[in-house]
Amino acid sequence: MNIPIVNLQALIALAFFAAALFVARIVANIYRGKWPGASWMVLYLRALLGFLLAGAVLLGYYSFAGVDVISRYLS
């Protein structure tokens, strides 16, 4: 199975975005008080959310542009 690297980038961007939605749900539930958690945990999860969203946007942008940004780090 030979998947083009740009399509793999788009798939990874979608996975990052799905993970960001999951983390956002966790942050919202902790912030509302439905789940236990401290304020430092919310801060940590929001930082993680920022990195996930940045990765999703960057990989998605480059995959739509057709630029390969991950293969130079794999070889």
PDB file of N, CA and C in Angstrom:
ATOM      1  N   MET A   1       0.851  -1.174   0.000  1.00  0.00           N
ATOM      2  CA  MET A   1       0.000   0.000   0.000  1.00  0.00           C
ATOM      3  C   MET A   1       0.895   1.235   0.000  1.00  0.00           C
ATOM      4  N   ASN A   2       0.784   2.021  -1.040  1.00  0.00           N
ATOM      5  CA  ASN A   2       1.638   3.181  -1.199  1.00  0.00           C
ATOM      6  C   ASN A   2       0.776   4.445  -1.163  1.00  0.00           C
ATOM      7  N   ILE A   3       0.747   5.104  -0.019  1.00  0.00           N
ATOM      8  CA  ILE A   3      -0.041   6.323   0.155  1.00  0.00           C
ATOM      9  C   ILE A   3       0.857   7.528  -0.128  1.00  0.00           C
ATOM     10  N   PRO A   4       0.404   8.454  -0.965  1.00  0.00           N
ATOM     11  CA  PRO A   4       1.212   9.669  -1.176  1.00  0.00           C
ATOM     12  C   PRO A   4       1.401  10.438   0.144  1.00  0.00           C
ATOM     13  N   ILE A   5       2.566  11.004   0.292  1.00  0.00           N
ATOM     14  CA  ILE A   5       2.926  11.652   1.559  1.00  0.00           C
ATOM     15  C   ILE A   5       2.028  12.847   1.860  1.00  0.00           C
ATOM     16  N   VAL A   6       1.537  13.533   0.836  1.00  0.00           N
ATOM     17  CA  VAL A   6       0.665  14.687   1.066  1.00  0.00           C
ATOM     18  C   VAL A   6      -0.672  14.222   1.634  1.00  0.00           C
ATOM     19  N   ASN A   7      -1.158  13.070   1.164  1.00  0.00           N
ATOM     20  CA  ASN A   7      -2.395  12.520   1.723  1.00  0.00           C
ATOM     21  C   ASN A   7      -2.194  12.050   3.156  1.00  0.00           C
ATOM     22  N   LEU A   8      -1.015  11.535   3.448  1.00  0.00           N
ATOM     23  CA  LEU A   8      -0.702  11.140   4.818  1.00  0.00           C
ATOM     24  C   LEU A   8      -0.658  12.359   5.740  1.00  0.00           C
ATOM     25  N   GLN A   9      -0.119  13.465   5.238  1.00  0.00           N
ATOM     26  CA  GLN A   9      -0.120  14.713   6.006  1.00  0.00           C
ATOM     27  C   GLN A   9      -1.542  15.169   6.310  1.00  0.00           C
ATOM     28  N   ALA A  10      -2.420  15.078   5.332  1.00  0.00           N
ATOM     29  CA  ALA A  10      -3.808  15.472   5.540  1.00  0.00           C
ATOM     30  C   ALA A  10      -4.478  14.566   6.564  1.00  0.00           C
ATOM     31  N   LEU A  11      -4.168  13.279   6.520  1.00  0.00           N
ATOM     32  CA  LEU A  11      -4.736  12.345   7.494  1.00  0.00           C
ATOM     33  C   LEU A  11      -4.237  12.638   8.906  1.00  0.00           C
ATOM     34  N   ILE A  12      -2.973  12.963   9.033  1.00  0.00           N
ATOM     35  CA  ILE A  12      -2.416  13.325  10.340  1.00  0.00           C
ATOM     36  C   ILE A  12      -3.034  14.630  10.834  1.00  0.00           C
ATOM     37  N   ALA A  13      -3.256  15.580   9.923  1.00  0.00           N
ATOM     38  CA  ALA A  13      -3.904  16.844  10.305  1.00  0.00           C
ATOM     39  C   ALA A  13      -5.317  16.582  10.818  1.00  0.00           C
ATOM     40  N   LEU A  14      -6.047  15.701  10.185  1.00  0.00           N
ATOM     41  CA  LEU A  14      -7.386  15.350  10.662  1.00  0.00           C
ATOM     42  C   LEU A  14      -7.334  14.676  12.029  1.00  0.00           C
ATOM     43  N   ALA A  15      -6.339  13.823  12.231  1.00  0.00           N
ATOM     44  CA  ALA A  15      -6.182  13.170  13.535  1.00  0.00           C
ATOM     45  C   ALA A  15      -5.851  14.192  14.621  1.00  0.00           C
ATOM     46  N   PHE A  16      -4.993  15.152  14.308  1.00  0.00           N
ATOM     47  CA  PHE A  16      -4.676  16.217  15.266  1.00  0.00           C
ATOM     48  C   PHE A  16      -5.924  17.031  15.601  1.00  0.00           C
ATOM     49  N   PHE A  17      -6.736  17.315  14.583  1.00  0.00           N
ATOM     50  CA  PHE A  17      -7.947  18.091  14.822  1.00  0.00           C
ATOM     51  C   PHE A  17      -8.941  17.309  15.678  1.00  0.00           C
ATOM     52  N   ALA A  18      -9.080  16.021  15.425  1.00  0.00           N
ATOM     53  CA  ALA A  18      -9.965  15.189  16.242  1.00  0.00           C
ATOM     54  C   ALA A  18      -9.466  15.117  17.684  1.00  0.00           C
ATOM     55  N   ALA A  19      -8.164  15.009  17.853  1.00  0.00           N
ATOM     56  CA  ALA A  19      -7.591  15.000  19.202  1.00  0.00           C
ATOM     57  C   ALA A  19      -7.814  16.340  19.892  1.00  0.00           C
ATOM     58  N   ALA A  20      -7.737  17.431  19.133  1.00  0.00           N
ATOM     59  CA  ALA A  20      -7.984  18.762  19.701  1.00  0.00           C
ATOM     60  C   ALA A  20      -9.433  18.893  20.158  1.00  0.00           C
ATOM     61  N   LEU A  21     -10.364  18.355  19.385  1.00  0.00           N
ATOM     62  CA  LEU A  21     -11.768  18.374  19.815  1.00  0.00           C
ATOM     63  C   LEU A  21     -11.972  17.568  21.093  1.00  0.00           C
ATOM     64  N   PHE A  22     -11.294  16.430  21.189  1.00  0.00           N
ATOM     65  CA  PHE A  22     -11.389  15.605  22.390  1.00  0.00           C
ATOM     66  C   PHE A  22     -10.822  16.333  23.611  1.00  0.00           C
ATOM     67  N   VAL A  23      -9.675  16.976  23.451  1.00  0.00           N
ATOM     68  CA  VAL A  23      -9.058  17.717  24.560  1.00  0.00           C
ATOM     69  C   VAL A  23      -9.923  18.916  24.937  1.00  0.00           C
ATOM     70  N   ALA A  24     -10.527  19.575  23.954  1.00  0.00           N
ATOM     71  CA  ALA A  24     -11.407  20.709  24.257  1.00  0.00           C
ATOM     72  C   ALA A  24     -12.613  20.264  25.074  1.00  0.00           C
ATOM     73  N   ARG A  25     -13.137  19.087  24.777  1.00  0.00           N
ATOM     74  CA  ARG A  25     -14.258  18.543  25.556  1.00  0.00           C
ATOM     75  C   ARG A  25     -13.829  18.259  27.002  1.00  0.00           C
ATOM     76  N   ILE A  26     -12.637  17.734  27.162  1.00  0.00           N
ATOM     77  CA  ILE A  26     -12.111  17.468  28.505  1.00  0.00           C
ATOM     78  C   ILE A  26     -11.952  18.767  29.276  1.00  0.00           C
ATOM     79  N   VAL A  27     -11.377  19.780  28.633  1.00  0.00           N
ATOM     80  CA  VAL A  27     -11.175  21.076  29.291  1.00  0.00           C
ATOM     81  C   VAL A  27     -12.506  21.680  29.699  1.00  0.00           C
ATOM     82  N   ALA A  28     -13.491  21.618  28.834  1.00  0.00           N
ATOM     83  CA  ALA A  28     -14.800  22.187  29.154  1.00  0.00           C
ATOM     84  C   ALA A  28     -15.447  21.462  30.323  1.00  0.00           C
ATOM     85  N   ASN A  29     -15.343  20.151  30.364  1.00  0.00           N
ATOM     86  CA  ASN A  29     -15.941  19.396  31.466  1.00  0.00           C
ATOM     87  C   ASN A  29     -15.238  19.662  32.792  1.00  0.00           C
ATOM     88  N   ILE A  30     -13.927  19.817  32.764  1.00  0.00           N
ATOM     89  CA  ILE A  30     -13.207  20.139  33.998  1.00  0.00           C
ATOM     90  C   ILE A  30     -13.532  21.554  34.444  1.00  0.00           C
ATOM     91  N   TYR A  31     -13.592  22.487  33.498  1.00  0.00           N
ATOM     92  CA  TYR A  31     -13.856  23.888  33.830  1.00  0.00           C
ATOM     93  C   TYR A  31     -15.261  24.068  34.412  1.00  0.00           C
ATOM     94  N   ARG A  32     -16.233  23.328  33.897  1.00  0.00           N
ATOM     95  CA  ARG A  32     -17.609  23.421  34.409  1.00  0.00           C
ATOM     96  C   ARG A  32     -17.794  22.723  35.747  1.00  0.00           C
ATOM     97  N   GLY A  33     -16.866  21.859  36.102  1.00  0.00           N
ATOM     98  CA  GLY A  33     -16.973  21.158  37.367  1.00  0.00           C
ATOM     99  C   GLY A  33     -17.601  19.787  37.257  1.00  0.00           C
ATOM    100  N   LYS A  34     -17.851  19.320  36.046  1.00  0.00           N
ATOM    101  CA  LYS A  34     -18.417  17.980  35.872  1.00  0.00           C
ATOM    102  C   LYS A  34     -17.392  16.907  36.207  1.00  0.00           C
ATOM    103  N   TRP A  35     -16.138  17.164  35.874  1.00  0.00           N
ATOM    104  CA  TRP A  35     -15.050  16.232  36.153  1.00  0.00           C
ATOM    105  C   TRP A  35     -14.090  16.873  37.142  1.00  0.00           C
ATOM    106  N   PRO A  36     -13.451  16.071  37.972  1.00  0.00           N
ATOM    107  CA  PRO A  36     -12.482  16.654  38.913  1.00  0.00           C
ATOM    108  C   PRO A  36     -11.202  17.084  38.193  1.00  0.00           C
ATOM    109  N   GLY A  37     -10.609  18.124  38.712  1.00  0.00           N
ATOM    110  CA  GLY A  37      -9.359  18.607  38.132  1.00  0.00           C
ATOM    111  C   GLY A  37      -8.983  19.941  38.738  1.00  0.00           C
ATOM    112  N   ALA A  38      -7.710  20.215  38.675  1.00  0.00           N
ATOM    113  CA  ALA A  38      -7.188  21.459  39.240  1.00  0.00           C
ATOM    114  C   ALA A  38      -6.989  22.494  38.142  1.00  0.00           C
ATOM    115  N   SER A  39      -6.710  23.714  38.568  1.00  0.00           N
ATOM    116  CA  SER A  39      -6.516  24.789  37.593  1.00  0.00           C
ATOM    117  C   SER A  39      -5.247  24.579  36.772  1.00  0.00           C
ATOM    118  N   TRP A  40      -4.218  23.966  37.355  1.00  0.00           N
ATOM    119  CA  TRP A  40      -2.998  23.699  36.606  1.00  0.00           C
ATOM    120  C   TRP A  40      -3.254  22.665  35.520  1.00  0.00           C
ATOM    121  N   MET A  41      -4.186  21.746  35.773  1.00  0.00           N
ATOM    122  CA  MET A  41      -4.503  20.736  34.778  1.00  0.00           C
ATOM    123  C   MET A  41      -5.218  21.363  33.570  1.00  0.00           C
ATOM    124  N   VAL A  42      -6.098  22.328  33.851  1.00  0.00           N
ATOM    125  CA  VAL A  42      -6.774  23.040  32.771  1.00  0.00           C
ATOM    126  C   VAL A  42      -5.762  23.835  31.961  1.00  0.00           C
ATOM    127  N   LEU A  43      -4.812  24.456  32.621  1.00  0.00           N
ATOM    128  CA  LEU A  43      -3.768  25.207  31.925  1.00  0.00           C
ATOM    129  C   LEU A  43      -2.928  24.298  31.042  1.00  0.00           C
ATOM    130  N   TYR A  44      -2.547  23.144  31.564  1.00  0.00           N
ATOM    131  CA  TYR A  44      -1.765  22.180  30.794  1.00  0.00           C
ATOM    132  C   TYR A  44      -2.549  21.691  29.579  1.00  0.00           C
ATOM    133  N   LEU A  45      -3.818  21.366  29.770  1.00  0.00           N
ATOM    134  CA  LEU A  45      -4.629  20.869  28.669  1.00  0.00           C
ATOM    135  C   LEU A  45      -4.891  21.950  27.624  1.00  0.00           C
ATOM    136  N   ARG A  46      -4.998  23.191  28.041  1.00  0.00           N
ATOM    137  CA  ARG A  46      -5.167  24.274  27.066  1.00  0.00           C
ATOM    138  C   ARG A  46      -3.902  24.483  26.251  1.00  0.00           C
ATOM    139  N   ALA A  47      -2.743  24.317  26.870  1.00  0.00           N
ATOM    140  CA  ALA A  47      -1.488  24.398  26.119  1.00  0.00           C
ATOM    141  C   ALA A  47      -1.397  23.251  25.119  1.00  0.00           C
ATOM    142  N   LEU A  48      -1.782  22.052  25.549  1.00  0.00           N
ATOM    143  CA  LEU A  48      -1.810  20.908  24.651  1.00  0.00           C
ATOM    144  C   LEU A  48      -2.781  21.139  23.505  1.00  0.00           C
ATOM    145  N   LEU A  49      -3.909  21.738  23.805  1.00  0.00           N
ATOM    146  CA  LEU A  49      -4.901  22.065  22.788  1.00  0.00           C
ATOM    147  C   LEU A  49      -4.330  23.041  21.755  1.00  0.00           C
ATOM    148  N   GLY A  50      -3.589  24.012  22.206  1.00  0.00           N
ATOM    149  CA  GLY A  50      -2.965  24.959  21.290  1.00  0.00           C
ATOM    150  C   GLY A  50      -1.972  24.296  20.357  1.00  0.00           C
ATOM    151  N   PHE A  51      -1.154  23.402  20.891  1.00  0.00           N
ATOM    152  CA  PHE A  51      -0.191  22.699  20.051  1.00  0.00           C
ATOM    153  C   PHE A  51      -0.882  21.777  19.053  1.00  0.00           C
ATOM    154  N   LEU A  52      -1.937  21.105  19.485  1.00  0.00           N
ATOM    155  CA  LEU A  52      -2.672  20.233  18.566  1.00  0.00           C
ATOM    156  C   LEU A  52      -3.325  21.030  17.440  1.00  0.00           C
ATOM    157  N   LEU A  53      -3.928  22.155  17.785  1.00  0.00           N
ATOM    158  CA  LEU A  53      -4.550  22.979  16.752  1.00  0.00           C
ATOM    159  C   LEU A  53      -3.519  23.567  15.796  1.00  0.00           C
ATOM    160  N   ALA A  54      -2.384  23.985  16.334  1.00  0.00           N
ATOM    161  CA  ALA A  54      -1.323  24.527  15.473  1.00  0.00           C
ATOM    162  C   ALA A  54      -0.798  23.460  14.518  1.00  0.00           C
ATOM    163  N   GLY A  55      -0.612  22.258  15.021  1.00  0.00           N
ATOM    164  CA  GLY A  55      -0.161  21.168  14.158  1.00  0.00           C
ATOM    165  C   GLY A  55      -1.181  20.818  13.095  1.00  0.00           C
ATOM    166  N   ALA A  56      -2.452  20.813  13.472  1.00  0.00           N
ATOM    167  CA  ALA A  56      -3.511  20.507  12.500  1.00  0.00           C
ATOM    168  C   ALA A  56      -3.585  21.564  11.413  1.00  0.00           C
ATOM    169  N   VAL A  57      -3.495  22.821  11.795  1.00  0.00           N
ATOM    170  CA  VAL A  57      -3.565  23.898  10.808  1.00  0.00           C
ATOM    171  C   VAL A  57      -2.349  23.871   9.891  1.00  0.00           C
ATOM    172  N   LEU A  58      -1.173  23.692  10.464  1.00  0.00           N
ATOM    173  CA  LEU A  58       0.037  23.687   9.654  1.00  0.00           C
ATOM    174  C   LEU A  58       0.066  22.518   8.680  1.00  0.00           C
ATOM    175  N   LEU A  59      -0.206  21.317   9.165  1.00  0.00           N
ATOM    176  CA  LEU A  59      -0.187  20.157   8.271  1.00  0.00           C
ATOM    177  C   LEU A  59      -1.306  20.222   7.243  1.00  0.00           C
ATOM    178  N   GLY A  60      -2.466  20.727   7.640  1.00  0.00           N
ATOM    179  CA  GLY A  60      -3.565  20.871   6.693  1.00  0.00           C
ATOM    180  C   GLY A  60      -3.252  21.885   5.618  1.00  0.00           C
ATOM    181  N   TYR A  61      -2.675  22.989   5.999  1.00  0.00           N
ATOM    182  CA  TYR A  61      -2.317  24.030   5.028  1.00  0.00           C
ATOM    183  C   TYR A  61      -1.297  23.511   4.019  1.00  0.00           C
ATOM    184  N   TYR A  62      -0.258  22.860   4.523  1.00  0.00           N
ATOM    185  CA  TYR A  62       0.769  22.355   3.629  1.00  0.00           C
ATOM    186  C   TYR A  62       0.272  21.195   2.768  1.00  0.00           C
ATOM    187  N   SER A  63      -0.648  20.403   3.273  1.00  0.00           N
ATOM    188  CA  SER A  63      -1.174  19.322   2.443  1.00  0.00           C
ATOM    189  C   SER A  63      -2.060  19.870   1.329  1.00  0.00           C
ATOM    190  N   PHE A  64      -2.824  20.934   1.607  1.00  0.00           N
ATOM    191  CA  PHE A  64      -3.609  21.553   0.541  1.00  0.00           C
ATOM    192  C   PHE A  64      -2.719  22.250  -0.477  1.00  0.00           C
ATOM    193  N   ALA A  65      -1.594  22.769  -0.026  1.00  0.00           N
ATOM    194  CA  ALA A  65      -0.658  23.421  -0.937  1.00  0.00           C
ATOM    195  C   ALA A  65       0.176  22.407  -1.716  1.00  0.00           C
ATOM    196  N   GLY A  66       0.185  21.162  -1.265  1.00  0.00           N
ATOM    197  CA  GLY A  66       0.951  20.128  -1.946  1.00  0.00           C
ATOM    198  C   GLY A  66       2.410  20.095  -1.555  1.00  0.00           C
ATOM    199  N   VAL A  67       2.735  20.680  -0.429  1.00  0.00           N
ATOM    200  CA  VAL A  67       4.124  20.733   0.035  1.00  0.00           C
ATOM    201  C   VAL A  67       4.341  19.618   1.046  1.00  0.00           C
ATOM    202  N   ASP A  68       5.403  18.879   0.848  1.00  0.00           N
ATOM    203  CA  ASP A  68       5.753  17.770   1.740  1.00  0.00           C
ATOM    204  C   ASP A  68       6.641  18.298   2.856  1.00  0.00           C
ATOM    205  N   VAL A  69       6.150  18.280   4.091  1.00  0.00           N
ATOM    206  CA  VAL A  69       6.951  18.804   5.200  1.00  0.00           C
ATOM    207  C   VAL A  69       7.400  17.727   6.170  1.00  0.00           C
ATOM    208  N   ILE A  70       6.854  16.515   6.080  1.00  0.00           N
ATOM    209  CA  ILE A  70       7.239  15.501   7.072  1.00  0.00           C
ATOM    210  C   ILE A  70       8.230  14.475   6.546  1.00  0.00           C
ATOM    211  N   SER A  71       8.385  14.324   5.246  1.00  0.00           N
ATOM    212  CA  SER A  71       9.283  13.273   4.756  1.00  0.00           C
ATOM    213  C   SER A  71      10.746  13.625   4.950  1.00  0.00           C
ATOM    214  N   ARG A  72      11.093  14.899   5.022  1.00  0.00           N
ATOM    215  CA  ARG A  72      12.493  15.246   5.231  1.00  0.00           C
ATOM    216  C   ARG A  72      12.961  14.854   6.627  1.00  0.00           C
ATOM    217  N   TYR A  73      12.019  14.674   7.559  1.00  0.00           N
ATOM    218  CA  TYR A  73      12.387  14.245   8.910  1.00  0.00           C
ATOM    219  C   TYR A  73      12.319  12.746   9.075  1.00  0.00           C
ATOM    220  N   LEU A  74      11.742  12.033   8.112  1.00  0.00           N
ATOM    221  CA  LEU A  74      11.634  10.588   8.209  1.00  0.00           C
ATOM    222  C   LEU A  74      12.845   9.871   7.642  1.00  0.00           C
ATOM    223  N   SER A  75      13.561  10.495   6.746  1.00  0.00           N
ATOM    224  CA  SER A  75      14.704   9.814   6.119  1.00  0.00           C
ATOM    225  C   SER A  75      16.015  10.110   6.794  1.00  0.00           C
TER     226      SER A  75
END
